[in-house]
C-alpha cells in the first residue's frame, strides 16, 4: 500500500515575522480569492474573526466557562448566565426588528445608525448562518428580515473595536 505524504508545513509565523516574499504571496492569494467572491475576501474574513473575538469577550465576561459539558450525556450547553443573556438578546432582536426595520423599504445594507447592539448582532449572525430558518421566519414570522441585505461587518468592527 502506497501512502501519500505531504511535505511538512512550516509553523505559522506572526504577522511581524513575514518576509516580503510571504507578503507578496498573501496579497496574490487575496487578489485571486477576491476574484471568486466579493463577500469573502481576506479583509472580510478578518472582520468576521473580530466579530467572533468580541462575542467571545462578552460571553467570557458573563461566565468564564460559558459552555459546559453535561457529565451524563456529554452534550455541551450554555451555562445559565449565558442562557439568560441569549434569551434577553432574542427579545431585544425582536424589538429591534419591529422598531428599526419595520420602517425600512429597501434592501440596502444597514447604515451605522441602524446597526443593533452586539447582543442583537449575535442573534442576527446566527440567523444568517441558517438560510432555511432565516427564509422561513422572514416569510412567516418576521417579514422585516427581508430588509437586511447582508450582515453589517464593516459597521460592527467600528462598534466593537473599543
Protein backbone atom coordinates (compact mmCIF):
# COMPACT_ATOMS: atom_id res chain seq x y z
CA UNK A 1 0.00 0.00 0.00
CA UNK A 2 1.45 3.33 -1.07
CA UNK A 3 0.84 6.22 1.28
CA UNK A 4 0.88 9.77 0.01
CA UNK A 5 2.78 12.05 2.32
CA UNK A 6 2.69 15.81 2.14
CA UNK A 7 5.75 17.92 2.67
CA UNK A 8 5.99 19.29 6.20
CA UNK A 9 4.15 22.54 6.78
CA UNK A 10 6.06 25.44 8.23
CA UNK A 11 4.88 26.56 11.63
CA UNK A 12 2.69 29.65 11.37
CA UNK A 13 4.56 32.86 11.92
CA UNK A 14 3.34 36.04 13.50
CA UNK A 15 2.41 38.90 11.14
CA UNK A 16 5.53 40.89 12.06
CA UNK A 17 7.74 37.96 11.02
CA UNK A 18 6.51 37.80 7.44
CA UNK A 19 9.10 38.35 4.78
CA UNK A 20 8.43 40.45 1.70
CA UNK A 21 8.04 37.26 -0.34
CA UNK A 22 5.35 35.97 2.05
CA UNK A 23 3.54 39.31 1.96
CA UNK A 24 3.57 39.18 -1.84
CA UNK A 25 2.20 35.64 -1.82
CA UNK A 26 -0.52 36.66 0.65
CA UNK A 27 -1.54 39.64 -1.46
CA UNK A 28 -1.56 37.45 -4.60
CA UNK A 29 -3.77 34.98 -2.74
CA UNK A 30 -6.06 37.84 -1.69
CA UNK A 31 -6.31 39.03 -5.30
CA UNK A 32 -7.10 35.52 -6.58
CA UNK A 33 -9.54 34.84 -3.74
CA UNK A 34 -11.44 38.07 -4.32
CA UNK A 35 -11.97 37.10 -7.97
CA UNK A 36 -14.25 34.31 -6.78
CA UNK A 37 -16.19 36.08 -4.08
CA UNK A 38 -16.70 39.73 -3.29
CA UNK A 39 -18.05 38.94 0.21
CA UNK A 40 -15.42 36.51 1.43
CA UNK A 41 -12.10 38.13 0.84
CA UNK A 42 -9.31 38.28 3.44
CA UNK A 43 -10.41 41.63 4.95
CA UNK A 44 -13.99 40.32 5.33
CA UNK A 45 -12.70 37.15 6.96
CA UNK A 46 -10.64 39.24 9.38
CA UNK A 47 -13.76 41.27 10.24
CA UNK A 48 -15.62 38.01 10.91
CA UNK A 49 -12.85 36.91 13.26
CA UNK A 50 -13.03 40.27 15.02
CA UNK A 51 -16.78 39.72 15.49
CA UNK A 52 -16.14 36.27 16.98
CA UNK A 53 -13.50 37.75 19.28
CA UNK A 54 -15.91 40.45 20.50
CA UNK A 55 -18.62 37.83 21.07
CA UNK A 56 -16.19 35.62 22.97
CA UNK A 57 -15.10 38.57 25.10
CA UNK A 58 -18.75 39.26 26.07
CA UNK A 59 -19.54 35.64 26.83
CA UNK A 60 -16.45 35.14 28.97
CA UNK A 61 -17.29 38.35 30.84
CA UNK A 62 -20.65 36.79 31.73
CA UNK A 63 -19.14 33.45 32.73
CA UNK A 64 -15.52 32.46 32.05
CA UNK A 65 -16.58 28.93 31.14
CA UNK A 66 -19.69 29.83 29.13
CA UNK A 67 -20.33 26.32 27.75
CA UNK A 68 -20.35 23.27 29.99
CA UNK A 69 -20.34 19.60 29.12
CA UNK A 70 -23.11 17.50 30.65
CA UNK A 71 -21.47 14.77 32.73
CA UNK A 72 -24.14 12.21 31.82
CA UNK A 73 -24.90 12.86 28.14
CA UNK A 74 -21.65 14.52 27.11
CA UNK A 75 -23.56 17.25 25.25
CA UNK A 76 -22.36 20.81 25.53
CA UNK A 77 -24.84 23.50 26.54
CA UNK A 78 -24.67 27.13 27.58
CA UNK A 79 -24.39 27.93 31.26
CA UNK A 80 -27.42 29.52 32.99
CA UNK A 81 -25.93 33.02 32.79
CA UNK A 82 -25.35 32.69 29.06
CA UNK A 83 -28.88 31.31 28.57
CA UNK A 84 -30.26 34.44 30.25
CA UNK A 85 -28.02 36.64 28.06
CA UNK A 86 -29.16 34.88 24.85
CA UNK A 87 -32.84 34.97 25.88
CA UNK A 88 -32.63 38.71 26.52
CA UNK A 89 -30.73 39.16 23.24
CA UNK A 90 -33.51 37.35 21.38
CA UNK A 91 -36.14 39.62 22.94
CA UNK A 92 -34.07 42.68 22.03
CA UNK A 93 -33.63 41.26 18.49
CA UNK A 94 -37.41 41.06 18.06
CA UNK A 95 -37.83 44.62 19.38
CA UNK A 96 -35.07 45.85 17.04
CA UNK A 97 -36.79 44.20 14.08
CA UNK A 98 -40.13 45.82 14.80
CA UNK A 99 -38.72 49.24 15.79
CA UNK A 100 -35.95 49.73 13.24
CA UNK A 101 -36.59 47.52 10.27
CA UNK A 102 -40.37 47.82 10.01
CA UNK A 103 -39.95 51.35 8.62
CA UNK A 104 -37.33 50.30 6.04
CA UNK A 105 -38.43 49.93 2.46
CA UNK A 106 -35.22 48.93 0.74
CA UNK A 107 -32.77 46.06 0.88
CA UNK A 108 -29.78 48.38 1.10
CA UNK A 109 -27.07 47.49 3.62
CA UNK A 110 -27.78 48.76 7.12
CA UNK A 111 -26.35 52.18 7.85
CA UNK A 112 -24.40 52.84 11.02
CA UNK A 113 -27.45 54.14 12.88
CA UNK A 114 -29.49 51.01 12.09
CA UNK A 115 -26.89 48.52 13.33
CA UNK A 116 -28.09 46.92 16.56
CA UNK A 117 -26.03 46.34 19.71
CA UNK A 118 -23.68 43.36 19.77
CA UNK A 119 -26.05 41.04 21.63
CA UNK A 120 -28.63 41.56 18.88
CA UNK A 121 -25.91 41.12 16.24
CA UNK A 122 -25.14 37.70 17.73
CA UNK A 123 -28.75 36.63 17.12
CA UNK A 124 -28.77 38.15 13.62
CA UNK A 125 -25.50 36.39 12.79
CA UNK A 126 -26.92 33.06 13.95
CA UNK A 127 -29.99 33.65 11.78
CA UNK A 128 -27.88 34.38 8.72
CA UNK A 129 -25.89 31.19 9.27
CA UNK A 130 -29.09 29.22 8.79
CA UNK A 131 -30.58 30.32 5.46
CA UNK A 132 -33.51 27.89 5.64
CA UNK A 133 -34.64 29.17 9.06
CA UNK A 134 -33.97 32.76 8.02
CA UNK A 135 -36.14 32.41 4.92
CA UNK A 136 -38.90 30.57 6.76
CA UNK A 137 -39.03 33.15 9.56
CA UNK A 138 -38.82 36.05 7.11
CA UNK A 139 -41.84 34.60 5.33
CA UNK A 140 -43.95 33.54 8.32
CA UNK A 141 -42.90 35.48 11.44
CA UNK A 142 -40.65 38.46 10.78
CA UNK A 143 -41.12 39.98 7.31
CA UNK A 144 -38.75 42.76 8.43
CA UNK A 145 -35.88 40.29 7.97
CA UNK A 146 -36.28 40.73 4.20
CA UNK A 147 -34.91 44.26 4.57
CA UNK A 148 -31.47 43.05 5.65
CA UNK A 149 -29.19 42.92 2.62
CA UNK A 150 -26.22 41.41 4.47
CA UNK A 151 -24.53 41.22 7.86
CA UNK A 152 -23.11 44.68 8.74
CA UNK A 153 -19.49 43.60 9.26
CA UNK A 154 -17.95 46.97 8.43
CA UNK A 155 -20.06 48.83 11.00
CA UNK A 156 -19.78 46.04 13.55
CA UNK A 157 -15.97 46.32 13.59
CA UNK A 158 -16.22 50.06 14.29
CA UNK A 159 -18.70 49.49 17.11
CA UNK A 160 -16.81 46.65 18.82
CA UNK A 161 -13.24 47.90 18.45
CA UNK A 162 -13.32 49.74 21.78
